[in-house]
Full PDB file with SEQRES, HELIX, SHEET, SSBOND, CRYST1, ORIGX, SCALE, CONECT and MASTER records, all heavy atoms in Angstrom:
SEQRES   1 A   38  MET LEU ALA LEU VAL MET ALA VAL LEU TRP ASN SER ALA          
SEQRES   2 A   38  ARG GLU SER LYS PRO ALA ARG VAL LEU ALA ALA VAL LEU          
SEQRES   3 A   38  PRO TRP VAL LEU ALA LEU THR ALA LEU ALA ILE THR              
HELIX    1 AA1 LEU A    2  ALA A   13  1                                  12    
HELIX    2 AA2 LYS A   17  ILE A   37  1                                  21    
CRYST1    1.000    1.000    1.000  90.00  90.00  90.00 P 1           1          
ORIGX1      1.000000  0.000000  0.000000        0.00000                         
ORIGX2      0.000000  1.000000  0.000000        0.00000                         
ORIGX3      0.000000  0.000000  1.000000        0.00000                         
SCALE1      1.000000  0.000000  0.000000        0.00000                         
SCALE2      0.000000  1.000000  0.000000        0.00000                         
SCALE3      0.000000  0.000000  1.000000        0.00000                         
ATOM      1  N   MET A   1      19.513  -5.004 -12.107  1.00  0.00           N  
ATOM      2  CA  MET A   1      19.568  -6.389 -11.543  1.00  0.00           C  
ATOM      3  C   MET A   1      18.386  -6.649 -10.677  1.00  0.00           C  
ATOM      4  O   MET A   1      17.864  -7.777 -10.612  1.00  0.00           O  
ATOM      5  CB  MET A   1      20.873  -6.560 -10.759  1.00  0.00           C  
ATOM      6  CG  MET A   1      22.142  -6.492 -11.588  1.00  0.00           C  
ATOM      7  SD  MET A   1      22.222  -7.681 -12.946  1.00  0.00           S  
ATOM      8  CE  MET A   1      21.990  -6.625 -14.406  1.00  0.00           C  
ATOM      9  N   LEU A   2      17.897  -5.609  -9.936  1.00  0.00           N  
ATOM     10  CA  LEU A   2      16.668  -5.789  -9.128  1.00  0.00           C  
ATOM     11  C   LEU A   2      15.463  -6.093 -10.006  1.00  0.00           C  
ATOM     12  O   LEU A   2      14.600  -6.904  -9.647  1.00  0.00           O  
ATOM     13  CB  LEU A   2      16.429  -4.541  -8.284  1.00  0.00           C  
ATOM     14  CG  LEU A   2      15.151  -4.562  -7.427  1.00  0.00           C  
ATOM     15  CD1 LEU A   2      15.311  -5.662  -6.334  1.00  0.00           C  
ATOM     16  CD2 LEU A   2      14.877  -3.202  -6.749  1.00  0.00           C  
ATOM     17  N   ALA A   3      15.441  -5.486 -11.190  1.00  0.00           N  
ATOM     18  CA  ALA A   3      14.304  -5.760 -12.104  1.00  0.00           C  
ATOM     19  C   ALA A   3      14.287  -7.230 -12.481  1.00  0.00           C  
ATOM     20  O   ALA A   3      13.203  -7.849 -12.574  1.00  0.00           O  
ATOM     21  CB  ALA A   3      14.465  -4.909 -13.373  1.00  0.00           C  
ATOM     22  N   LEU A   4      15.399  -7.850 -12.662  1.00  0.00           N  
ATOM     23  CA  LEU A   4      15.486  -9.296 -12.955  1.00  0.00           C  
ATOM     24  C   LEU A   4      15.008 -10.124 -11.810  1.00  0.00           C  
ATOM     25  O   LEU A   4      14.250 -11.105 -11.961  1.00  0.00           O  
ATOM     26  CB  LEU A   4      16.908  -9.684 -13.342  1.00  0.00           C  
ATOM     27  CG  LEU A   4      17.393  -9.214 -14.783  1.00  0.00           C  
ATOM     28  CD1 LEU A   4      18.871  -9.399 -14.897  1.00  0.00           C  
ATOM     29  CD2 LEU A   4      16.619 -10.031 -15.838  1.00  0.00           C  
ATOM     30  N   VAL A   5      15.395  -9.795 -10.555  1.00  0.00           N  
ATOM     31  CA  VAL A   5      14.931 -10.486  -9.387  1.00  0.00           C  
ATOM     32  C   VAL A   5      13.398 -10.439  -9.278  1.00  0.00           C  
ATOM     33  O   VAL A   5      12.721 -11.436  -9.052  1.00  0.00           O  
ATOM     34  CB  VAL A   5      15.595  -9.896  -8.135  1.00  0.00           C  
ATOM     35  CG1 VAL A   5      14.999 -10.581  -6.873  1.00  0.00           C  
ATOM     36  CG2 VAL A   5      17.087 -10.165  -8.175  1.00  0.00           C  
ATOM     37  N   MET A   6      12.895  -9.218  -9.444  1.00  0.00           N  
ATOM     38  CA  MET A   6      11.404  -9.053  -9.312  1.00  0.00           C  
ATOM     39  C   MET A   6      10.711  -9.729 -10.495  1.00  0.00           C  
ATOM     40  O   MET A   6       9.539 -10.189 -10.276  1.00  0.00           O  
ATOM     41  CB  MET A   6      11.083  -7.572  -9.275  1.00  0.00           C  
ATOM     42  CG  MET A   6      11.660  -6.775  -8.089  1.00  0.00           C  
ATOM     43  SD  MET A   6      11.226  -7.494  -6.480  1.00  0.00           S  
ATOM     44  CE  MET A   6       9.490  -7.202  -6.530  1.00  0.00           C  
ATOM     45  N   ALA A   7      11.305  -9.789 -11.650  1.00  0.00           N  
ATOM     46  CA  ALA A   7      10.705 -10.463 -12.795  1.00  0.00           C  
ATOM     47  C   ALA A   7      10.552 -11.953 -12.499  1.00  0.00           C  
ATOM     48  O   ALA A   7       9.520 -12.571 -12.825  1.00  0.00           O  
ATOM     49  CB  ALA A   7      11.491 -10.235 -14.018  1.00  0.00           C  
ATOM     50  N   VAL A   8      11.579 -12.591 -11.930  1.00  0.00           N  
ATOM     51  CA  VAL A   8      11.504 -14.025 -11.521  1.00  0.00           C  
ATOM     52  C   VAL A   8      10.449 -14.202 -10.512  1.00  0.00           C  
ATOM     53  O   VAL A   8       9.618 -15.147 -10.565  1.00  0.00           O  
ATOM     54  CB  VAL A   8      12.887 -14.492 -11.022  1.00  0.00           C  
ATOM     55  CG1 VAL A   8      12.801 -15.900 -10.502  1.00  0.00           C  
ATOM     56  CG2 VAL A   8      13.932 -14.386 -12.099  1.00  0.00           C  
ATOM     57  N   LEU A   9      10.388 -13.336  -9.518  1.00  0.00           N  
ATOM     58  CA  LEU A   9       9.331 -13.468  -8.512  1.00  0.00           C  
ATOM     59  C   LEU A   9       7.943 -13.352  -9.089  1.00  0.00           C  
ATOM     60  O   LEU A   9       7.104 -14.186  -8.761  1.00  0.00           O  
ATOM     61  CB  LEU A   9       9.531 -12.342  -7.462  1.00  0.00           C  
ATOM     62  CG  LEU A   9       8.493 -12.197  -6.368  1.00  0.00           C  
ATOM     63  CD1 LEU A   9       8.435 -13.476  -5.508  1.00  0.00           C  
ATOM     64  CD2 LEU A   9       8.760 -10.977  -5.507  1.00  0.00           C  
ATOM     65  N   TRP A  10       7.672 -12.395  -9.959  1.00  0.00           N  
ATOM     66  CA  TRP A  10       6.347 -12.217 -10.497  1.00  0.00           C  
ATOM     67  C   TRP A  10       6.008 -13.381 -11.428  1.00  0.00           C  
ATOM     68  O   TRP A  10       4.876 -13.821 -11.488  1.00  0.00           O  
ATOM     69  CB  TRP A  10       6.277 -10.894 -11.215  1.00  0.00           C  
ATOM     70  CG  TRP A  10       4.864 -10.510 -11.597  1.00  0.00           C  
ATOM     71  CD1 TRP A  10       4.315 -10.523 -12.849  1.00  0.00           C  
ATOM     72  CD2 TRP A  10       3.842 -10.097 -10.731  1.00  0.00           C  
ATOM     73  NE1 TRP A  10       2.986 -10.115 -12.818  1.00  0.00           N  
ATOM     74  CE2 TRP A  10       2.654  -9.844 -11.470  1.00  0.00           C  
ATOM     75  CE3 TRP A  10       3.770  -9.890  -9.352  1.00  0.00           C  
ATOM     76  CZ2 TRP A  10       1.480  -9.438 -10.934  1.00  0.00           C  
ATOM     77  CZ3 TRP A  10       2.576  -9.443  -8.782  1.00  0.00           C  
ATOM     78  CH2 TRP A  10       1.443  -9.242  -9.584  1.00  0.00           C  
ATOM     79  N   ASN A  11       6.989 -13.848 -12.164  1.00  0.00           N  
ATOM     80  CA  ASN A  11       6.721 -14.938 -13.151  1.00  0.00           C  
ATOM     81  C   ASN A  11       6.297 -16.220 -12.404  1.00  0.00           C  
ATOM     82  O   ASN A  11       5.490 -16.959 -12.938  1.00  0.00           O  
ATOM     83  CB  ASN A  11       7.967 -15.199 -13.981  1.00  0.00           C  
ATOM     84  CG  ASN A  11       7.706 -16.188 -15.067  1.00  0.00           C  
ATOM     85  OD1 ASN A  11       6.901 -15.959 -15.944  1.00  0.00           O  
ATOM     86  ND2 ASN A  11       8.462 -17.262 -15.099  1.00  0.00           N  
ATOM     87  N   SER A  12       6.863 -16.440 -11.224  1.00  0.00           N  
ATOM     88  CA  SER A  12       6.577 -17.680 -10.512  1.00  0.00           C  
ATOM     89  C   SER A  12       5.437 -17.589  -9.538  1.00  0.00           C  
ATOM     90  O   SER A  12       4.784 -18.551  -9.158  1.00  0.00           O  
ATOM     91  CB  SER A  12       7.794 -18.124  -9.784  1.00  0.00           C  
ATOM     92  OG  SER A  12       8.219 -17.192  -8.759  1.00  0.00           O  
ATOM     93  N   ALA A  13       5.139 -16.356  -9.099  1.00  0.00           N  
ATOM     94  CA  ALA A  13       4.126 -16.195  -8.010  1.00  0.00           C  
ATOM     95  C   ALA A  13       3.013 -15.184  -8.326  1.00  0.00           C  
ATOM     96  O   ALA A  13       2.334 -14.745  -7.410  1.00  0.00           O  
ATOM     97  CB  ALA A  13       4.845 -15.750  -6.677  1.00  0.00           C  
ATOM     98  N   ARG A  14       2.785 -14.929  -9.575  1.00  0.00           N  
ATOM     99  CA  ARG A  14       1.802 -13.942  -9.955  1.00  0.00           C  
ATOM    100  C   ARG A  14       0.353 -14.384  -9.684  1.00  0.00           C  
ATOM    101  O   ARG A  14      -0.601 -13.603  -9.676  1.00  0.00           O  
ATOM    102  CB  ARG A  14       1.949 -13.410 -11.364  1.00  0.00           C  
ATOM    103  CG  ARG A  14       1.882 -14.537 -12.414  1.00  0.00           C  
ATOM    104  CD  ARG A  14       2.472 -14.079 -13.716  1.00  0.00           C  
ATOM    105  NE  ARG A  14       1.572 -13.224 -14.443  1.00  0.00           N  
ATOM    106  CZ  ARG A  14       0.800 -13.625 -15.483  1.00  0.00           C  
ATOM    107  NH1 ARG A  14       0.838 -14.851 -15.850  1.00  0.00           N  
ATOM    108  NH2 ARG A  14       0.033 -12.791 -16.093  1.00  0.00           N  
ATOM    109  N   GLU A  15       0.159 -15.712  -9.506  1.00  0.00           N  
ATOM    110  CA  GLU A  15      -1.159 -16.236  -9.187  1.00  0.00           C  
ATOM    111  C   GLU A  15      -1.337 -16.506  -7.672  1.00  0.00           C  
ATOM    112  O   GLU A  15      -2.374 -16.961  -7.219  1.00  0.00           O  
ATOM    113  CB  GLU A  15      -1.369 -17.513  -9.927  1.00  0.00           C  
ATOM    114  CG  GLU A  15      -1.341 -17.429 -11.460  1.00  0.00           C  
ATOM    115  CD  GLU A  15      -2.470 -16.548 -12.010  1.00  0.00           C  
ATOM    116  OE1 GLU A  15      -3.471 -16.391 -11.290  1.00  0.00           O  
ATOM    117  OE2 GLU A  15      -2.314 -16.081 -13.143  1.00  0.00           O  
ATOM    118  N   SER A  16      -0.323 -16.109  -6.870  1.00  0.00           N  
ATOM    119  CA  SER A  16      -0.395 -16.314  -5.444  1.00  0.00           C  
ATOM    120  C   SER A  16      -1.370 -15.322  -4.794  1.00  0.00           C  
ATOM    121  O   SER A  16      -1.686 -14.282  -5.445  1.00  0.00           O  
ATOM    122  CB  SER A  16       0.984 -16.199  -4.825  1.00  0.00           C  
ATOM    123  OG  SER A  16       1.489 -14.925  -4.935  1.00  0.00           O  
ATOM    124  N   LYS A  17      -1.749 -15.578  -3.539  1.00  0.00           N  
ATOM    125  CA  LYS A  17      -2.682 -14.647  -2.866  1.00  0.00           C  
ATOM    126  C   LYS A  17      -2.084 -13.252  -2.710  1.00  0.00           C  
ATOM    127  O   LYS A  17      -2.798 -12.254  -2.947  1.00  0.00           O  
ATOM    128  CB  LYS A  17      -3.048 -15.307  -1.528  1.00  0.00           C  
ATOM    129  CG  LYS A  17      -4.043 -14.438  -0.754  1.00  0.00           C  
ATOM    130  CD  LYS A  17      -4.420 -15.072   0.566  1.00  0.00           C  
ATOM    131  CE  LYS A  17      -5.424 -14.130   1.339  1.00  0.00           C  
ATOM    132  NZ  LYS A  17      -5.841 -14.785   2.611  1.00  0.00           N  
ATOM    133  N   PRO A  18      -0.825 -13.124  -2.297  1.00  0.00           N  
ATOM    134  CA  PRO A  18      -0.228 -11.793  -2.171  1.00  0.00           C  
ATOM    135  C   PRO A  18      -0.236 -11.016  -3.549  1.00  0.00           C  
ATOM    136  O   PRO A  18      -0.552  -9.844  -3.536  1.00  0.00           O  
ATOM    137  CB  PRO A  18       1.182 -11.982  -1.647  1.00  0.00           C  
ATOM    138  CG  PRO A  18       1.147 -13.325  -1.032  1.00  0.00           C  
ATOM    139  CD  PRO A  18       0.137 -14.115  -1.776  1.00  0.00           C  
ATOM    140  N   ALA A  19       0.009 -11.787  -4.612  1.00  0.00           N  
ATOM    141  CA  ALA A  19      -0.004 -11.105  -5.905  1.00  0.00           C  
ATOM    142  C   ALA A  19      -1.443 -10.624  -6.276  1.00  0.00           C  
ATOM    143  O   ALA A  19      -1.610  -9.556  -6.898  1.00  0.00           O  
ATOM    144  CB  ALA A  19       0.525 -12.040  -6.978  1.00  0.00           C  
ATOM    145  N   ARG A  20      -2.446 -11.438  -5.921  1.00  0.00           N  
ATOM    146  CA  ARG A  20      -3.818 -11.108  -6.214  1.00  0.00           C  
ATOM    147  C   ARG A  20      -4.216  -9.872  -5.440  1.00  0.00           C  
ATOM    148  O   ARG A  20      -4.967  -8.951  -5.873  1.00  0.00           O  
ATOM    149  CB  ARG A  20      -4.746 -12.249  -5.963  1.00  0.00           C  
ATOM    150  CG  ARG A  20      -4.565 -13.367  -6.932  1.00  0.00           C  
ATOM    151  CD  ARG A  20      -5.747 -14.313  -6.890  1.00  0.00           C  
ATOM    152  NE  ARG A  20      -5.919 -14.944  -5.566  1.00  0.00           N  
ATOM    153  CZ  ARG A  20      -5.413 -16.079  -5.231  1.00  0.00           C  
ATOM    154  NH1 ARG A  20      -4.577 -16.726  -6.034  1.00  0.00           N  
ATOM    155  NH2 ARG A  20      -5.569 -16.619  -3.979  1.00  0.00           N  
ATOM    156  N   VAL A  21      -3.765  -9.748  -4.179  1.00  0.00           N  
ATOM    157  CA  VAL A  21      -4.045  -8.568  -3.345  1.00  0.00           C  
ATOM    158  C   VAL A  21      -3.416  -7.365  -3.950  1.00  0.00           C  
ATOM    159  O   VAL A  21      -4.021  -6.306  -4.071  1.00  0.00           O  
ATOM    160  CB  VAL A  21      -3.523  -8.769  -1.911  1.00  0.00           C  
ATOM    161  CG1 VAL A  21      -3.655  -7.517  -1.095  1.00  0.00           C  
ATOM    162  CG2 VAL A  21      -4.308  -9.940  -1.211  1.00  0.00           C  
ATOM    163  N   LEU A  22      -2.133  -7.467  -4.410  1.00  0.00           N  
ATOM    164  CA  LEU A  22      -1.505  -6.354  -5.080  1.00  0.00           C  
ATOM    165  C   LEU A  22      -2.215  -5.930  -6.293  1.00  0.00           C  
ATOM    166  O   LEU A  22      -2.391  -4.728  -6.582  1.00  0.00           O  
ATOM    167  CB  LEU A  22      -0.030  -6.739  -5.415  1.00  0.00           C  
ATOM    168  CG  LEU A  22       0.935  -6.863  -4.230  1.00  0.00           C  
ATOM    169  CD1 LEU A  22       2.228  -7.507  -4.690  1.00  0.00           C  
ATOM    170  CD2 LEU A  22       1.264  -5.462  -3.656  1.00  0.00           C  
ATOM    171  N   ALA A  23      -2.711  -6.931  -7.081  1.00  0.00           N  
ATOM    172  CA  ALA A  23      -3.408  -6.630  -8.344  1.00  0.00           C  
ATOM    173  C   ALA A  23      -4.716  -5.912  -8.025  1.00  0.00           C  
ATOM    174  O   ALA A  23      -5.245  -5.284  -8.900  1.00  0.00           O  
ATOM    175  CB  ALA A  23      -3.638  -7.943  -9.106  1.00  0.00           C  
ATOM    176  N   ALA A  24      -5.281  -6.099  -6.881  1.00  0.00           N  
ATOM    177  CA  ALA A  24      -6.516  -5.453  -6.488  1.00  0.00           C  
ATOM    178  C   ALA A  24      -6.257  -4.042  -5.906  1.00  0.00           C  
ATOM    179  O   ALA A  24      -7.052  -3.121  -6.156  1.00  0.00           O  
ATOM    180  CB  ALA A  24      -7.261  -6.270  -5.453  1.00  0.00           C  
ATOM    181  N   VAL A  25      -5.145  -3.831  -5.224  1.00  0.00           N  
ATOM    182  CA  VAL A  25      -4.876  -2.566  -4.475  1.00  0.00           C  
ATOM    183  C   VAL A  25      -4.216  -1.566  -5.391  1.00  0.00           C  
ATOM    184  O   VAL A  25      -4.583  -0.403  -5.476  1.00  0.00           O  
ATOM    185  CB  VAL A  25      -4.033  -2.856  -3.287  1.00  0.00           C  
ATOM    186  CG1 VAL A  25      -3.613  -1.536  -2.626  1.00  0.00           C  
ATOM    187  CG2 VAL A  25      -4.848  -3.680  -2.265  1.00  0.00           C  
ATOM    188  N   LEU A  26      -3.126  -1.979  -6.097  1.00  0.00           N  
ATOM    189  CA  LEU A  26      -2.304  -0.994  -6.832  1.00  0.00           C  
ATOM    190  C   LEU A  26      -3.074  -0.236  -7.923  1.00  0.00           C  
ATOM    191  O   LEU A  26      -2.844   0.941  -8.126  1.00  0.00           O  
ATOM    192  CB  LEU A  26      -1.091  -1.621  -7.426  1.00  0.00           C  
ATOM    193  CG  LEU A  26      -0.024  -2.011  -6.383  1.00  0.00           C  
ATOM    194  CD1 LEU A  26       1.193  -2.680  -7.052  1.00  0.00           C  
ATOM    195  CD2 LEU A  26       0.483  -0.727  -5.666  1.00  0.00           C  
ATOM    196  N   PRO A  27      -4.014  -0.869  -8.647  1.00  0.00           N  
ATOM    197  CA  PRO A  27      -4.817  -0.091  -9.618  1.00  0.00           C  
ATOM    198  C   PRO A  27      -5.610   1.030  -8.995  1.00  0.00           C  
ATOM    199  O   PRO A  27      -5.831   2.084  -9.645  1.00  0.00           O  
ATOM    200  CB  PRO A  27      -5.748  -1.116 -10.239  1.00  0.00           C  
ATOM    201  CG  PRO A  27      -4.974  -2.415 -10.122  1.00  0.00           C  
ATOM    202  CD  PRO A  27      -4.291  -2.316  -8.797  1.00  0.00           C  
ATOM    203  N   TRP A  28      -5.995   0.846  -7.700  1.00  0.00           N  
ATOM    204  CA  TRP A  28      -6.647   1.964  -7.077  1.00  0.00           C  
ATOM    205  C   TRP A  28      -5.698   3.100  -6.780  1.00  0.00           C  
ATOM    206  O   TRP A  28      -6.105   4.267  -6.814  1.00  0.00           O  
ATOM    207  CB  TRP A  28      -7.305   1.479  -5.754  1.00  0.00           C  
ATOM    208  CG  TRP A  28      -8.550   0.689  -5.964  1.00  0.00           C  
ATOM    209  CD1 TRP A  28      -8.725  -0.672  -5.926  1.00  0.00           C  
ATOM    210  CD2 TRP A  28      -9.815   1.209  -6.388  1.00  0.00           C  
ATOM    211  NE1 TRP A  28     -10.012  -1.024  -6.189  1.00  0.00           N  
ATOM    212  CE2 TRP A  28     -10.711   0.182  -6.479  1.00  0.00           C  
ATOM    213  CE3 TRP A  28     -10.280   2.496  -6.603  1.00  0.00           C  
ATOM    214  CZ2 TRP A  28     -12.077   0.304  -6.870  1.00  0.00           C  
ATOM    215  CZ3 TRP A  28     -11.643   2.685  -6.922  1.00  0.00           C  
ATOM    216  CH2 TRP A  28     -12.504   1.635  -7.096  1.00  0.00           C  
ATOM    217  N   VAL A  29      -4.456   2.795  -6.508  1.00  0.00           N  
ATOM    218  CA  VAL A  29      -3.451   3.846  -6.355  1.00  0.00           C  
ATOM    219  C   VAL A  29      -3.275   4.575  -7.648  1.00  0.00           C  
ATOM    220  O   VAL A  29      -3.153   5.840  -7.671  1.00  0.00           O  
ATOM    221  CB  VAL A  29      -2.094   3.193  -5.941  1.00  0.00           C  
ATOM    222  CG1 VAL A  29      -1.004   4.282  -5.832  1.00  0.00           C  
ATOM    223  CG2 VAL A  29      -2.204   2.514  -4.579  1.00  0.00           C  
ATOM    224  N   LEU A  30      -3.211   3.853  -8.794  1.00  0.00           N  
ATOM    225  CA  LEU A  30      -3.175   4.525 -10.066  1.00  0.00           C  
ATOM    226  C   LEU A  30      -4.410   5.346 -10.341  1.00  0.00           C  
ATOM    227  O   LEU A  30      -4.333   6.473 -10.872  1.00  0.00           O  
ATOM    228  CB  LEU A  30      -2.985   3.457 -11.181  1.00  0.00           C  
ATOM    229  CG  LEU A  30      -1.739   2.607 -11.120  1.00  0.00           C  
ATOM    230  CD1 LEU A  30      -1.755   1.605 -12.279  1.00  0.00           C  
ATOM    231  CD2 LEU A  30      -0.527   3.437 -11.162  1.00  0.00           C  
ATOM    232  N   ALA A  31      -5.580   4.838  -9.955  1.00  0.00           N  
ATOM    233  CA  ALA A  31      -6.811   5.603 -10.184  1.00  0.00           C  
ATOM    234  C   ALA A  31      -6.827   6.889  -9.372  1.00  0.00           C  
ATOM    235  O   ALA A  31      -7.211   7.966  -9.864  1.00  0.00           O  
ATOM    236  CB  ALA A  31      -8.019   4.738  -9.852  1.00  0.00           C  
ATOM    237  N   LEU A  32      -6.367   6.805  -8.109  1.00  0.00           N  
ATOM    238  CA  LEU A  32      -6.357   8.011  -7.297  1.00  0.00           C  
ATOM    239  C   LEU A  32      -5.341   9.017  -7.815  1.00  0.00           C  
ATOM    240  O   LEU A  32      -5.565  10.189  -7.788  1.00  0.00           O  
ATOM    241  CB  LEU A  32      -6.001   7.618  -5.845  1.00  0.00           C  
ATOM    242  CG  LEU A  32      -7.067   6.858  -5.057  1.00  0.00           C  
ATOM    243  CD1 LEU A  32      -6.530   6.422  -3.717  1.00  0.00           C  
ATOM    244  CD2 LEU A  32      -8.307   7.711  -4.867  1.00  0.00           C  
ATOM    245  N   THR A  33      -4.224   8.480  -8.359  1.00  0.00           N  
ATOM    246  CA  THR A  33      -3.238   9.404  -8.941  1.00  0.00           C  
ATOM    247  C   THR A  33      -3.821  10.096 -10.167  1.00  0.00           C  
ATOM    248  O   THR A  33      -3.671  11.304 -10.352  1.00  0.00           O  
ATOM    249  CB  THR A  33      -1.989   8.605  -9.369  1.00  0.00           C  
ATOM    250  OG1 THR A  33      -1.446   7.979  -8.204  1.00  0.00           O  
ATOM    251  CG2 THR A  33      -0.929   9.526  -9.995  1.00  0.00           C  
ATOM    252  N   ALA A  34      -4.561   9.395 -10.998  1.00  0.00           N  
ATOM    253  CA  ALA A  34      -5.210   9.962 -12.175  1.00  0.00           C  
ATOM    254  C   ALA A  34      -6.222  10.994 -11.787  1.00  0.00           C  
ATOM    255  O   ALA A  34      -6.328  12.049 -12.396  1.00  0.00           O  
ATOM    256  CB  ALA A  34      -5.828   8.818 -13.027  1.00  0.00           C  
ATOM    257  N   LEU A  35      -7.021  10.701 -10.745  1.00  0.00           N  
ATOM    258  CA  LEU A  35      -7.998  11.675 -10.306  1.00  0.00           C  
ATOM    259  C   LEU A  35      -7.326  12.915  -9.726  1.00  0.00           C  
ATOM    260  O   LEU A  35      -7.797  14.038  -9.915  1.00  0.00           O  
ATOM    261  CB  LEU A  35      -8.880  11.001  -9.210  1.00  0.00           C  
ATOM    262  CG  LEU A  35      -9.897   9.928  -9.722  1.00  0.00           C  
ATOM    263  CD1 LEU A  35     -10.515   9.279  -8.488  1.00  0.00           C  
ATOM    264  CD2 LEU A  35     -10.933  10.634 -10.617  1.00  0.00           C  
ATOM    265  N   ALA A  36      -6.195  12.757  -9.013  1.00  0.00           N  
ATOM    266  CA  ALA A  36      -5.459  13.863  -8.486  1.00  0.00           C  
ATOM    267  C   ALA A  36      -4.918  14.774  -9.645  1.00  0.00           C  
ATOM    268  O   ALA A  36      -4.986  16.005  -9.507  1.00  0.00           O  
ATOM    269  CB  ALA A  36      -4.382  13.404  -7.612  1.00  0.00           C  
ATOM    270  N   ILE A  37      -4.393  14.127 -10.694  1.00  0.00           N  
ATOM    271  CA  ILE A  37      -3.906  14.920 -11.820  1.00  0.00           C  
ATOM    272  C   ILE A  37      -5.037  15.658 -12.503  1.00  0.00           C  
ATOM    273  O   ILE A  37      -4.938  16.835 -12.832  1.00  0.00           O  
ATOM    274  CB  ILE A  37      -3.241  13.957 -12.844  1.00  0.00           C  
ATOM    275  CG1 ILE A  37      -1.953  13.406 -12.255  1.00  0.00           C  
ATOM    276  CG2 ILE A  37      -2.965  14.686 -14.162  1.00  0.00           C  
ATOM    277  CD1 ILE A  37      -1.327  12.282 -13.073  1.00  0.00           C  
ATOM    278  N   THR A  38      -6.212  15.018 -12.608  1.00  0.00           N  
ATOM    279  CA  THR A  38      -7.385  15.680 -13.224  1.00  0.00           C  
ATOM    280  C   THR A  38      -7.806  16.852 -12.364  1.00  0.00           C  
ATOM    281  O   THR A  38      -8.102  17.935 -12.847  1.00  0.00           O  
ATOM    282  CB  THR A  38      -8.523  14.657 -13.384  1.00  0.00           C  
ATOM    283  OG1 THR A  38      -8.099  13.528 -14.125  1.00  0.00           O  
ATOM    284  CG2 THR A  38      -9.701  15.301 -14.109  1.00  0.00           C  
TER     285      THR A  38                                                      
MASTER        0    0    0    2    0    0    0    6  284    1    0    3          
END                                                                             
C-alpha cells in the first residue's frame, strides 16, 4: 500500500524541485555502492 502512495506522489510531482534534487543525489548513492562492490 505504501508503494501505491509513493507512486501517486512520484507521478504528480516528479518534475518538482525536490524530485529533481533526488534525481541528482540518489544516482551518486548507487554509483558509490557500485564502486564499493567493485
